[in-house]
Amino acid sequence: MFKRFHLVAALVAACMLLACAGKRTPAVAPAVPLQPPGPVGAGQILDVKAGGPILFDDLIHSLASKDVVFVGEIHDNPAHHLIQTQILQALLNRWGANAAIGMEFFPRPAQGHLDGYIRGELTESEFLGAVDWQKLWGYPYYLYRPLMLAARERFIRILAINAPQEIVKKVARQGLANLTGEERAQIARDIDLGNEPHREFVRKVFGEHAHSDLKSFDRFYEAQAVWEETMAETISLHLGPKGKKMVVFAGNGHIIHKFGVPDRTANRIPVSTATVVPYLAGDHADVEGLADYVWFTPGHPRSRP
């Protein structure tokens, strides 16, 4: 698993999106209207641009009109995975066979194993062994099983969109310029390091934490860009001019403010996008620009960053 090299996604999820604390509470309640401004409760959905509440059916109606829908998570929060499952099921009902699913959790080399699982050639146990899930991702598989089963039951392709973790690690330690030709060929061809708002956002997160084995912010940022550009490239190559639809599941840190994977995808191919970020229930005055939609969730005692 990525451990420290979950980089900004893990740090952002923990630090910028309120590391969830407090008592364990029940799973997400049905979406109900809220009355902004002021405190909001778990299960309520905010249309950030409109500044008001939205019901689940209205959310799905809006999302279904987009080419790519990005849904975030804090990786070990069960409420976030329940949100993902609800959105996936609803979108698949609307999109049918025209849909695909992108997952941060799998690097590109895992694509063959994913295809074999979806086709029914591998059992769940065989699939998890083939991808070495515990080493690859490490979070409990039961959190992701509903997503995987929904895809398998409908024969919906899951795309392994991420860069190989060993390459991301090397970039973080040694820099992009020190990759071999073979390593460089496994990540996105074009990597934009000039997005200043994104760089400053990442710099702030980096500066708030000690990194015993990551001394250079520039290399740290290169690794973040490699990660996100590779996901964006993989998404765009699949969509192409085919008019397909995709829902992408990734950590909140790759989605918030859109300048991670969503904007990098839109820079490659003319597609419409929407972002949904699960967020700790409370006062939503600080979510402006965070995502297109914020789905408020219960507190969760984090077991990992």
C-alpha atoms as a PDB file:
ATOM      1  CA  MET A   1       0.000   0.000   0.000  1.00  0.00           C
ATOM      2  CA  PHE A   2       1.109   3.565  -0.561  1.00  0.00           C
ATOM      3  CA  LYS A   3       1.501   4.340   3.189  1.00  0.00           C
ATOM      4  CA  ARG A   4       3.404   7.642   3.337  1.00  0.00           C
ATOM      5  CA  PHE A   5       3.264   7.915  -0.414  1.00  0.00           C
ATOM      6  CA  HIS A   6      -0.451   8.406  -0.448  1.00  0.00           C
ATOM      7  CA  LEU A   7       1.044  11.906  -0.494  1.00  0.00           C
ATOM      8  CA  VAL A   8      -1.360  14.804  -0.618  1.00  0.00           C
ATOM      9  CA  ALA A   9      -4.517  12.731  -1.006  1.00  0.00           C
ATOM     10  CA  ALA A  10      -4.004  11.210   2.406  1.00  0.00           C
ATOM     11  CA  LEU A  11      -2.758  14.424   3.963  1.00  0.00           C
ATOM     12  CA  VAL A  12      -5.489  16.516   2.426  1.00  0.00           C
ATOM     13  CA  ALA A  13      -8.117  13.999   3.440  1.00  0.00           C
ATOM     14  CA  ALA A  14      -6.842  14.028   6.984  1.00  0.00           C
ATOM     15  CA  CYS A  15      -5.986  17.673   7.410  1.00  0.00           C
ATOM     16  CA  MET A  16      -7.840  19.798   4.898  1.00  0.00           C
ATOM     17  CA  LEU A  17     -11.099  17.859   4.992  1.00  0.00           C
ATOM     18  CA  LEU A  18     -11.363  17.649   8.759  1.00  0.00           C
ATOM     19  CA  ALA A  19      -9.855  14.436  10.027  1.00  0.00           C
ATOM     20  CA  CYS A  20     -13.023  12.794  11.245  1.00  0.00           C
ATOM     21  CA  ALA A  21     -13.168  12.364  14.987  1.00  0.00           C
ATOM     22  CA  GLY A  22     -15.679  11.582  17.650  1.00  0.00           C
ATOM     23  CA  LYS A  23     -18.050   8.751  18.328  1.00  0.00           C
ATOM     24  CA  ARG A  24     -18.846   6.193  15.652  1.00  0.00           C
ATOM     25  CA  THR A  25     -22.288   6.930  14.296  1.00  0.00           C
ATOM     26  CA  PRO A  26     -24.674   5.061  12.025  1.00  0.00           C
ATOM     27  CA  ALA A  27     -24.190   5.028   8.271  1.00  0.00           C
ATOM     28  CA  VAL A  28     -25.374   7.852   6.057  1.00  0.00           C
ATOM     29  CA  ALA A  29     -29.007   8.833   6.492  1.00  0.00           C
ATOM     30  CA  PRO A  30     -31.224   9.471   3.470  1.00  0.00           C
ATOM     31  CA  ALA A  31     -30.656  12.821   1.830  1.00  0.00           C
ATOM     32  CA  VAL A  32     -32.996  15.450   3.251  1.00  0.00           C
ATOM     33  CA  PRO A  33     -33.324  19.191   2.680  1.00  0.00           C
ATOM     34  CA  LEU A  34     -31.217  21.607   4.692  1.00  0.00           C
ATOM     35  CA  GLN A  35     -31.661  25.286   5.424  1.00  0.00           C
ATOM     36  CA  PRO A  36     -28.384  27.117   4.830  1.00  0.00           C
ATOM     37  CA  PRO A  37     -26.556  28.870   6.301  1.00  0.00           C
ATOM     38  CA  GLY A  38     -25.696  27.197   9.568  1.00  0.00           C
ATOM     39  CA  PRO A  39     -25.067  23.720  10.903  1.00  0.00           C
ATOM     40  CA  VAL A  40     -26.071  20.794   8.730  1.00  0.00           C
ATOM     41  CA  GLY A  41     -26.646  17.150   9.521  1.00  0.00           C
ATOM     42  CA  ALA A  42     -25.389  13.890   8.126  1.00  0.00           C
ATOM     43  CA  GLY A  43     -27.080  12.756   4.946  1.00  0.00           C
ATOM     44  CA  GLN A  44     -27.757  16.241   3.616  1.00  0.00           C
ATOM     45  CA  ILE A  45     -26.479  17.273   0.200  1.00  0.00           C
ATOM     46  CA  LEU A  46     -25.440  20.801  -0.731  1.00  0.00           C
ATOM     47  CA  ASP A  47     -25.398  22.206  -4.254  1.00  0.00           C
ATOM     48  CA  VAL A  48     -22.388  24.422  -3.659  1.00  0.00           C
ATOM     49  CA  LYS A  49     -22.853  26.800  -6.585  1.00  0.00           C
ATOM     50  CA  ALA A  50     -26.544  27.313  -5.868  1.00  0.00           C
ATOM     51  CA  GLY A  51     -25.861  27.557  -2.156  1.00  0.00           C
ATOM     52  CA  GLY A  52     -28.852  25.412  -1.249  1.00  0.00           C
ATOM     53  CA  PRO A  53     -30.012  21.866  -0.622  1.00  0.00           C
ATOM     54  CA  ILE A  54     -30.541  19.210  -3.218  1.00  0.00           C
ATOM     55  CA  LEU A  55     -32.296  15.858  -2.926  1.00  0.00           C
ATOM     56  CA  PHE A  56     -30.759  12.595  -4.054  1.00  0.00           C
ATOM     57  CA  ASP A  57     -32.951  12.235  -7.149  1.00  0.00           C
ATOM     58  CA  ASP A  58     -32.057  15.758  -8.234  1.00  0.00           C
ATOM     59  CA  LEU A  59     -28.381  15.072  -7.627  1.00  0.00           C
ATOM     60  CA  ILE A  60     -28.466  11.986  -9.823  1.00  0.00           C
ATOM     61  CA  HIS A  61     -30.413  13.796 -12.539  1.00  0.00           C
ATOM     62  CA  SER A  62     -27.666  16.415 -12.647  1.00  0.00           C
ATOM     63  CA  LEU A  63     -24.770  13.953 -12.465  1.00  0.00           C
ATOM     64  CA  ALA A  64     -26.196  11.713 -15.176  1.00  0.00           C
ATOM     65  CA  SER A  65     -25.985  14.569 -17.672  1.00  0.00           C
ATOM     66  CA  LYS A  66     -22.192  14.796 -17.252  1.00  0.00           C
ATOM     67  CA  ASP A  67     -19.521  12.846 -19.094  1.00  0.00           C
ATOM     68  CA  VAL A  68     -17.356  12.185 -16.037  1.00  0.00           C
ATOM     69  CA  VAL A  69     -18.465  12.193 -12.407  1.00  0.00           C
ATOM     70  CA  PHE A  70     -15.787  12.239  -9.711  1.00  0.00           C
ATOM     71  CA  VAL A  71     -16.802  10.943  -6.278  1.00  0.00           C
ATOM     72  CA  GLY A  72     -14.383  11.349  -3.388  1.00  0.00           C
ATOM     73  CA  GLU A  73     -13.757   9.509  -0.158  1.00  0.00           C
ATOM     74  CA  ILE A  74     -11.697   9.331   2.975  1.00  0.00           C
ATOM     75  CA  HIS A  75     -10.475   5.823   2.420  1.00  0.00           C
ATOM     76  CA  ASP A  76     -11.442   4.178   5.709  1.00  0.00           C
ATOM     77  CA  ASN A  77     -14.794   5.931   6.238  1.00  0.00           C
ATOM     78  CA  PRO A  78     -17.683   3.472   5.655  1.00  0.00           C
ATOM     79  CA  ALA A  79     -20.191   6.300   5.202  1.00  0.00           C
ATOM     80  CA  HIS A  80     -18.247   7.569   2.215  1.00  0.00           C
ATOM     81  CA  HIS A  81     -18.308   4.169   0.573  1.00  0.00           C
ATOM     82  CA  LEU A  82     -22.052   3.938   1.105  1.00  0.00           C
ATOM     83  CA  ILE A  83     -22.405   7.251  -0.718  1.00  0.00           C
ATOM     84  CA  GLN A  84     -20.282   5.923  -3.564  1.00  0.00           C
ATOM     85  CA  THR A  85     -22.392   2.787  -3.850  1.00  0.00           C
ATOM     86  CA  GLN A  86     -25.642   4.744  -3.971  1.00  0.00           C
ATOM     87  CA  ILE A  87     -24.324   7.058  -6.664  1.00  0.00           C
ATOM     88  CA  LEU A  88     -22.856   4.215  -8.713  1.00  0.00           C
ATOM     89  CA  GLN A  89     -26.052   2.178  -8.663  1.00  0.00           C
ATOM     90  CA  ALA A  90     -28.156   5.185  -9.669  1.00  0.00           C
ATOM     91  CA  LEU A  91     -25.821   6.224 -12.491  1.00  0.00           C
ATOM     92  CA  LEU A  92     -25.556   2.706 -13.881  1.00  0.00           C
ATOM     93  CA  ASN A  93     -29.349   2.586 -13.984  1.00  0.00           C
ATOM     94  CA  ARG A  94     -29.287   5.764 -16.090  1.00  0.00           C
ATOM     95  CA  TRP A  95     -26.235   5.071 -18.243  1.00  0.00           C
ATOM     96  CA  GLY A  96     -26.439   1.330 -18.818  1.00  0.00           C
ATOM     97  CA  ALA A  97     -23.709  -0.334 -20.883  1.00  0.00           C
ATOM     98  CA  ASN A  98     -22.329   3.064 -21.957  1.00  0.00           C
ATOM     99  CA  ALA A  99     -20.695   3.433 -18.544  1.00  0.00           C
ATOM    100  CA  ALA A 100     -17.268   2.670 -17.180  1.00  0.00           C
ATOM    101  CA  ILE A 101     -15.741   3.025 -13.723  1.00  0.00           C
ATOM    102  CA  GLY A 102     -12.335   4.508 -12.914  1.00  0.00           C
ATOM    103  CA  MET A 103     -10.623   3.611  -9.660  1.00  0.00           C
ATOM    104  CA  GLU A 104      -7.635   5.279  -8.037  1.00  0.00           C
ATOM    105  CA  PHE A 105      -7.072   2.123  -6.031  1.00  0.00           C
ATOM    106  CA  PHE A 106      -5.576   0.185  -8.955  1.00  0.00           C
ATOM    107  CA  PRO A 107      -2.425   1.066 -10.938  1.00  0.00           C
ATOM    108  CA  ARG A 108      -2.355   0.571 -14.690  1.00  0.00           C
ATOM    109  CA  PRO A 109      -0.539  -2.812 -14.557  1.00  0.00           C
ATOM    110  CA  ALA A 110      -3.561  -4.286 -12.697  1.00  0.00           C
ATOM    111  CA  GLN A 111      -5.860  -3.802 -15.705  1.00  0.00           C
ATOM    112  CA  GLY A 112      -5.640  -7.384 -16.910  1.00  0.00           C
ATOM    113  CA  HIS A 113      -6.632  -8.755 -13.510  1.00  0.00           C
ATOM    114  CA  LEU A 114      -9.548  -6.321 -13.312  1.00  0.00           C
ATOM    115  CA  ASP A 115     -10.768  -7.386 -16.743  1.00  0.00           C
ATOM    116  CA  GLY A 116     -10.521 -11.039 -15.752  1.00  0.00           C
ATOM    117  CA  TYR A 117     -12.526 -10.428 -12.588  1.00  0.00           C
ATOM    118  CA  ILE A 118     -15.284  -8.542 -14.416  1.00  0.00           C
ATOM    119  CA  ARG A 119     -15.527 -11.298 -17.053  1.00  0.00           C
ATOM    120  CA  GLY A 120     -15.894 -13.901 -14.300  1.00  0.00           C
ATOM    121  CA  GLU A 121     -12.577 -15.580 -15.076  1.00  0.00           C
ATOM    122  CA  LEU A 122     -11.268 -14.896 -11.570  1.00  0.00           C
ATOM    123  CA  THR A 123     -13.037 -15.440  -8.279  1.00  0.00           C
ATOM    124  CA  GLU A 124     -12.877 -12.646  -5.734  1.00  0.00           C
ATOM    125  CA  SER A 125     -10.201 -14.511  -3.800  1.00  0.00           C
ATOM    126  CA  GLU A 126      -8.144 -15.134  -6.928  1.00  0.00           C
ATOM    127  CA  PHE A 127      -8.482 -11.512  -7.968  1.00  0.00           C
ATOM    128  CA  LEU A 128      -7.379 -10.157  -4.592  1.00  0.00           C
ATOM    129  CA  GLY A 129      -4.400 -12.469  -4.632  1.00  0.00           C
ATOM    130  CA  ALA A 130      -3.474 -11.526  -8.193  1.00  0.00           C
ATOM    131  CA  VAL A 131      -3.421  -7.789  -7.441  1.00  0.00           C
ATOM    132  CA  ASP A 132      -1.978  -8.345  -3.942  1.00  0.00           C
ATOM    133  CA  TRP A 133      -4.668  -6.132  -2.470  1.00  0.00           C
ATOM    134  CA  GLN A 134      -3.213  -5.914   1.026  1.00  0.00           C
ATOM    135  CA  LYS A 135       0.096  -4.593  -0.278  1.00  0.00           C
ATOM    136  CA  LEU A 136      -1.424  -2.608  -3.117  1.00  0.00           C
ATOM    137  CA  TRP A 137      -4.056  -0.660  -1.177  1.00  0.00           C
ATOM    138  CA  GLY A 138      -4.322  -2.098   2.312  1.00  0.00           C
ATOM    139  CA  TYR A 139      -7.726  -0.771   3.317  1.00  0.00           C
ATOM    140  CA  PRO A 140     -10.399  -3.393   4.117  1.00  0.00           C
ATOM    141  CA  TYR A 141     -11.751  -4.826   0.888  1.00  0.00           C
ATOM    142  CA  TYR A 142     -15.277  -5.023   2.263  1.00  0.00           C
ATOM    143  CA  LEU A 143     -15.435  -1.234   1.945  1.00  0.00           C
ATOM    144  CA  TYR A 144     -14.995  -1.575  -1.819  1.00  0.00           C
ATOM    145  CA  ARG A 145     -16.794  -4.868  -2.461  1.00  0.00           C
ATOM    146  CA  PRO A 146     -20.203  -3.279  -3.258  1.00  0.00           C
ATOM    147  CA  LEU A 147     -18.600  -1.192  -6.019  1.00  0.00           C
ATOM    148  CA  MET A 148     -16.775  -4.188  -7.436  1.00  0.00           C
ATOM    149  CA  LEU A 149     -19.849  -6.415  -7.338  1.00  0.00           C
ATOM    150  CA  ALA A 150     -22.028  -3.779  -8.991  1.00  0.00           C
ATOM    151  CA  ALA A 151     -19.573  -3.624 -11.887  1.00  0.00           C
ATOM    152  CA  ARG A 152     -19.182  -7.393 -12.160  1.00  0.00           C
ATOM    153  CA  GLU A 153     -22.918  -8.074 -12.131  1.00  0.00           C
ATOM    154  CA  ARG A 154     -23.442  -5.669 -15.041  1.00  0.00           C
ATOM    155  CA  PHE A 155     -20.170  -6.423 -16.871  1.00  0.00           C
ATOM    156  CA  ILE A 156     -19.138  -2.771 -16.519  1.00  0.00           C
ATOM    157  CA  ARG A 157     -15.450  -2.239 -17.134  1.00  0.00           C
ATOM    158  CA  ILE A 158     -13.331  -0.953 -14.258  1.00  0.00           C
ATOM    159  CA  LEU A 159     -10.280   1.031 -15.308  1.00  0.00           C
ATOM    160  CA  ALA A 160      -7.042   0.909 -13.345  1.00  0.00           C
ATOM    161  CA  ILE A 161      -6.202   4.591 -13.658  1.00  0.00           C
ATOM    162  CA  ASN A 162      -3.322   5.129 -11.254  1.00  0.00           C
ATOM    163  CA  ALA A 163       0.432   5.235 -11.743  1.00  0.00           C
ATOM    164  CA  PRO A 164       2.497   2.322 -10.377  1.00  0.00           C
ATOM    165  CA  GLN A 165       3.280   3.084  -6.760  1.00  0.00           C
ATOM    166  CA  GLU A 166       6.987   2.332  -7.045  1.00  0.00           C
ATOM    167  CA  ILE A 167       7.314   5.028  -9.712  1.00  0.00           C
ATOM    168  CA  VAL A 168       5.425   7.596  -7.624  1.00  0.00           C
ATOM    169  CA  LYS A 169       7.739   6.787  -4.716  1.00  0.00           C
ATOM    170  CA  LYS A 170      10.834   7.205  -6.860  1.00  0.00           C
ATOM    171  CA  VAL A 171       9.680  10.570  -8.162  1.00  0.00           C
ATOM    172  CA  ALA A 172       8.984  11.778  -4.618  1.00  0.00           C
ATOM    173  CA  ARG A 173      12.500  10.835  -3.553  1.00  0.00           C
ATOM    174  CA  GLN A 174      14.615  11.398  -6.663  1.00  0.00           C
ATOM    175  CA  GLY A 175      12.574  13.553  -9.008  1.00  0.00           C
ATOM    176  CA  LEU A 176      10.901  13.079 -12.354  1.00  0.00           C
ATOM    177  CA  ALA A 177      14.155  13.585 -14.266  1.00  0.00           C
ATOM    178  CA  ASN A 178      15.689  10.494 -12.677  1.00  0.00           C
ATOM    179  CA  LEU A 179      13.161   8.016 -14.050  1.00  0.00           C
ATOM    180  CA  THR A 180      14.423   5.507 -16.576  1.00  0.00           C
ATOM    181  CA  GLY A 181      12.885   5.414 -20.035  1.00  0.00           C
ATOM    182  CA  GLU A 182      10.935   2.304 -19.104  1.00  0.00           C
ATOM    183  CA  GLU A 183       9.584   3.941 -15.934  1.00  0.00           C
ATOM    184  CA  ARG A 184       8.725   7.160 -17.759  1.00  0.00           C
ATOM    185  CA  ALA A 185       6.681   5.212 -20.314  1.00  0.00           C
ATOM    186  CA  GLN A 186       4.376   3.908 -17.557  1.00  0.00           C
ATOM    187  CA  ILE A 187       3.062   7.320 -16.512  1.00  0.00           C
ATOM    188  CA  ALA A 188       1.352  10.225 -18.256  1.00  0.00           C
ATOM    189  CA  ARG A 189       3.200  11.658 -21.229  1.00  0.00           C
ATOM    190  CA  ASP A 190       2.306  15.266 -20.397  1.00  0.00           C
ATOM    191  CA  ILE A 191       2.738  16.427 -16.812  1.00  0.00           C
ATOM    192  CA  ASP A 192       1.768  19.999 -15.935  1.00  0.00           C
ATOM    193  CA  LEU A 193       3.784  21.415 -13.050  1.00  0.00           C
ATOM    194  CA  GLY A 194       2.700  25.014 -13.630  1.00  0.00           C
ATOM    195  CA  ASN A 195      -0.690  25.181 -11.913  1.00  0.00           C
ATOM    196  CA  GLU A 196       0.175  27.750  -9.248  1.00  0.00           C
ATOM    197  CA  PRO A 197      -3.064  27.567  -7.216  1.00  0.00           C
ATOM    198  CA  HIS A 198      -2.666  23.785  -7.006  1.00  0.00           C
ATOM    199  CA  ARG A 199       1.043  24.069  -6.184  1.00  0.00           C
ATOM    200  CA  GLU A 200       0.341  26.503  -3.355  1.00  0.00           C
ATOM    201  CA  PHE A 201      -2.416  24.303  -2.013  1.00  0.00           C
ATOM    202  CA  VAL A 202      -0.065  21.305  -1.973  1.00  0.00           C
ATOM    203  CA  ARG A 203       2.753  23.419  -0.510  1.00  0.00           C
ATOM    204  CA  LYS A 204       0.544  24.414   2.416  1.00  0.00           C
ATOM    205  CA  VAL A 205      -0.285  20.806   3.174  1.00  0.00           C
ATOM    206  CA  PHE A 206       3.351  19.762   2.804  1.00  0.00           C
ATOM    207  CA  GLY A 207       4.503  22.512   5.150  1.00  0.00           C
ATOM    208  CA  GLU A 208       2.116  21.435   7.902  1.00  0.00           C
ATOM    209  CA  HIS A 209       3.739  18.006   8.231  1.00  0.00           C
ATOM    210  CA  ALA A 210       7.185  16.620   8.914  1.00  0.00           C
ATOM    211  CA  HIS A 211       8.593  14.362   6.200  1.00  0.00           C
ATOM    212  CA  SER A 212      11.659  12.446   7.362  1.00  0.00           C
ATOM    213  CA  ASP A 213      12.306  10.908   3.942  1.00  0.00           C
ATOM    214  CA  LEU A 214      10.835  13.632   1.701  1.00  0.00           C
ATOM    215  CA  LYS A 215      13.106  16.657   1.846  1.00  0.00           C
ATOM    216  CA  SER A 216      12.237  18.371  -1.425  1.00  0.00           C
ATOM    217  CA  PHE A 217       8.860  20.002  -1.954  1.00  0.00           C
ATOM    218  CA  ASP A 218       9.487  20.207  -5.700  1.00  0.00           C
ATOM    219  CA  ARG A 219       9.888  16.439  -5.918  1.00  0.00           C
ATOM    220  CA  PHE A 220       6.910  15.936  -3.664  1.00  0.00           C
ATOM    221  CA  TYR A 221       4.851  18.084  -6.008  1.00  0.00           C
ATOM    222  CA  GLU A 222       6.185  16.259  -9.056  1.00  0.00           C
ATOM    223  CA  ALA A 223       5.008  12.991  -7.533  1.00  0.00           C
ATOM    224  CA  GLN A 224       1.563  14.455  -6.893  1.00  0.00           C
ATOM    225  CA  ALA A 225       1.377  15.665 -10.492  1.00  0.00           C
ATOM    226  CA  VAL A 226       2.536  12.281 -11.826  1.00  0.00           C
ATOM    227  CA  TRP A 227      -0.188  10.626  -9.825  1.00  0.00           C
ATOM    228  CA  GLU A 228      -2.968  12.908 -10.987  1.00  0.00           C
ATOM    229  CA  GLU A 229      -1.862  13.377 -14.599  1.00  0.00           C
ATOM    230  CA  THR A 230      -1.633   9.613 -15.044  1.00  0.00           C
ATOM    231  CA  MET A 231      -5.167   9.174 -13.735  1.00  0.00           C
ATOM    232  CA  ALA A 232      -6.403  11.988 -15.979  1.00  0.00           C
ATOM    233  CA  GLU A 233      -4.653  10.566 -19.042  1.00  0.00           C
ATOM    234  CA  THR A 234      -6.052   7.093 -18.440  1.00  0.00           C
ATOM    235  CA  ILE A 235      -9.574   8.499 -18.123  1.00  0.00           C
ATOM    236  CA  SER A 236      -9.265  10.613 -21.265  1.00  0.00           C
ATOM    237  CA  LEU A 237      -7.833   7.774 -23.350  1.00  0.00           C
ATOM    238  CA  HIS A 238     -10.812   5.600 -22.467  1.00  0.00           C
ATOM    239  CA  LEU A 239     -13.415   8.269 -23.145  1.00  0.00           C
ATOM    240  CA  GLY A 240     -11.912   9.540 -26.379  1.00  0.00           C
ATOM    241  CA  PRO A 241     -14.514  10.605 -28.960  1.00  0.00           C
ATOM    242  CA  LYS A 242     -16.738   7.641 -28.140  1.00  0.00           C
ATOM    243  CA  GLY A 243     -19.308   9.494 -26.071  1.00  0.00           C
ATOM    244  CA  LYS A 244     -18.880   7.163 -23.116  1.00  0.00           C
ATOM    245  CA  LYS A 245     -19.698   7.993 -19.515  1.00  0.00           C
ATOM    246  CA  MET A 246     -17.523   7.359 -16.487  1.00  0.00           C
ATOM    247  CA  VAL A 247     -17.740   7.590 -12.727  1.00  0.00           C
ATOM    248  CA  VAL A 248     -14.373   7.912 -11.009  1.00  0.00           C
ATOM    249  CA  PHE A 249     -13.681   7.022  -7.372  1.00  0.00           C
ATOM    250  CA  ALA A 250     -10.653   8.602  -5.721  1.00  0.00           C
ATOM    251  CA  GLY A 251      -9.526  10.206  -2.506  1.00  0.00           C
ATOM    252  CA  ASN A 252     -10.967  13.640  -1.721  1.00  0.00           C
ATOM    253  CA  GLY A 253      -7.528  15.204  -2.095  1.00  0.00           C
ATOM    254  CA  HIS A 254      -7.476  14.414  -5.809  1.00  0.00           C
ATOM    255  CA  ILE A 255     -10.904  15.958  -6.402  1.00  0.00           C
ATOM    256  CA  ILE A 256     -11.426  19.043  -4.251  1.00  0.00           C
ATOM    257  CA  HIS A 257     -11.362  22.375  -6.094  1.00  0.00           C
ATOM    258  CA  LYS A 258     -11.124  20.296  -9.298  1.00  0.00           C
ATOM    259  CA  PHE A 259      -7.497  21.234  -9.893  1.00  0.00           C
ATOM    260  CA  GLY A 260      -6.346  17.672  -9.322  1.00  0.00           C
ATOM    261  CA  VAL A 261      -7.745  14.969 -11.591  1.00  0.00           C
ATOM    262  CA  PRO A 262     -10.959  16.680 -12.838  1.00  0.00           C
ATOM    263  CA  ASP A 263      -9.312  19.720 -14.435  1.00  0.00           C
ATOM    264  CA  ARG A 264      -6.366  17.684 -15.712  1.00  0.00           C
ATOM    265  CA  THR A 265      -8.880  15.410 -17.443  1.00  0.00           C
ATOM    266  CA  ALA A 266     -10.814  18.323 -18.943  1.00  0.00           C
ATOM    267  CA  ASN A 267      -7.535  19.822 -20.206  1.00  0.00           C
ATOM    268  CA  ARG A 268      -6.996  16.700 -22.289  1.00  0.00           C
ATOM    269  CA  ILE A 269     -10.442  16.140 -23.736  1.00  0.00           C
ATOM    270  CA  PRO A 270     -13.588  18.275 -24.010  1.00  0.00           C
ATOM    271  CA  VAL A 271     -15.810  16.630 -21.435  1.00  0.00           C
ATOM    272  CA  SER A 272     -18.286  17.874 -18.868  1.00  0.00           C
ATOM    273  CA  THR A 273     -17.466  16.976 -15.269  1.00  0.00           C
ATOM    274  CA  ALA A 274     -19.011  17.067 -11.818  1.00  0.00           C
ATOM    275  CA  THR A 275     -17.498  16.454  -8.411  1.00  0.00           C
ATOM    276  CA  VAL A 276     -19.090  15.053  -5.260  1.00  0.00           C
ATOM    277  CA  VAL A 277     -17.127  15.280  -2.015  1.00  0.00           C
ATOM    278  CA  PRO A 278     -18.209  13.579   1.220  1.00  0.00           C
ATOM    279  CA  TYR A 279     -17.595  16.020   4.067  1.00  0.00           C
ATOM    280  CA  LEU A 280     -17.959  15.998   7.827  1.00  0.00           C
ATOM    281  CA  ALA A 281     -21.350  17.369   8.915  1.00  0.00           C
ATOM    282  CA  GLY A 282     -21.284  20.739  10.610  1.00  0.00           C
ATOM    283  CA  ASP A 283     -21.205  24.333   9.448  1.00  0.00           C
ATOM    284  CA  HIS A 284     -20.898  24.372   5.679  1.00  0.00           C
ATOM    285  CA  ALA A 285     -19.755  27.981   5.433  1.00  0.00           C
ATOM    286  CA  ASP A 286     -16.241  26.833   4.458  1.00  0.00           C
ATOM    287  CA  VAL A 287     -17.093  24.607   1.484  1.00  0.00           C
ATOM    288  CA  GLU A 288     -17.326  27.290  -1.200  1.00  0.00           C
ATOM    289  CA  GLY A 289     -15.498  26.054  -4.277  1.00  0.00           C
ATOM    290  CA  LEU A 290     -14.713  22.718  -2.672  1.00  0.00           C
ATOM    291  CA  ALA A 291     -16.800  20.673  -5.132  1.00  0.00           C
ATOM    292  CA  ASP A 292     -19.965  20.874  -7.190  1.00  0.00           C
ATOM    293  CA  TYR A 293     -21.818  18.938  -4.509  1.00  0.00           C
ATOM    294  CA  VAL A 294     -20.945  18.229  -0.894  1.00  0.00           C
ATOM    295  CA  TRP A 295     -22.595  15.270   0.842  1.00  0.00           C
ATOM    296  CA  PHE A 296     -22.383  15.679   4.601  1.00  0.00           C
ATOM    297  CA  THR A 297     -21.522  12.579   6.611  1.00  0.00           C
ATOM    298  CA  PRO A 298     -21.295  11.482  10.253  1.00  0.00           C
ATOM    299  CA  GLY A 299     -18.096  11.752  12.232  1.00  0.00           C
ATOM    300  CA  HIS A 300     -15.768   8.795  11.964  1.00  0.00           C
ATOM    301  CA  PRO A 301     -12.889   7.790  14.284  1.00  0.00           C
ATOM    302  CA  ARG A 302     -10.102   7.550  11.748  1.00  0.00           C
ATOM    303  CA  SER A 303      -7.940   4.467  12.040  1.00  0.00           C
ATOM    304  CA  ARG A 304      -5.418   5.704   9.496  1.00  0.00           C
ATOM    305  CA  PRO A 305      -4.427   9.039   7.900  1.00  0.00           C
END
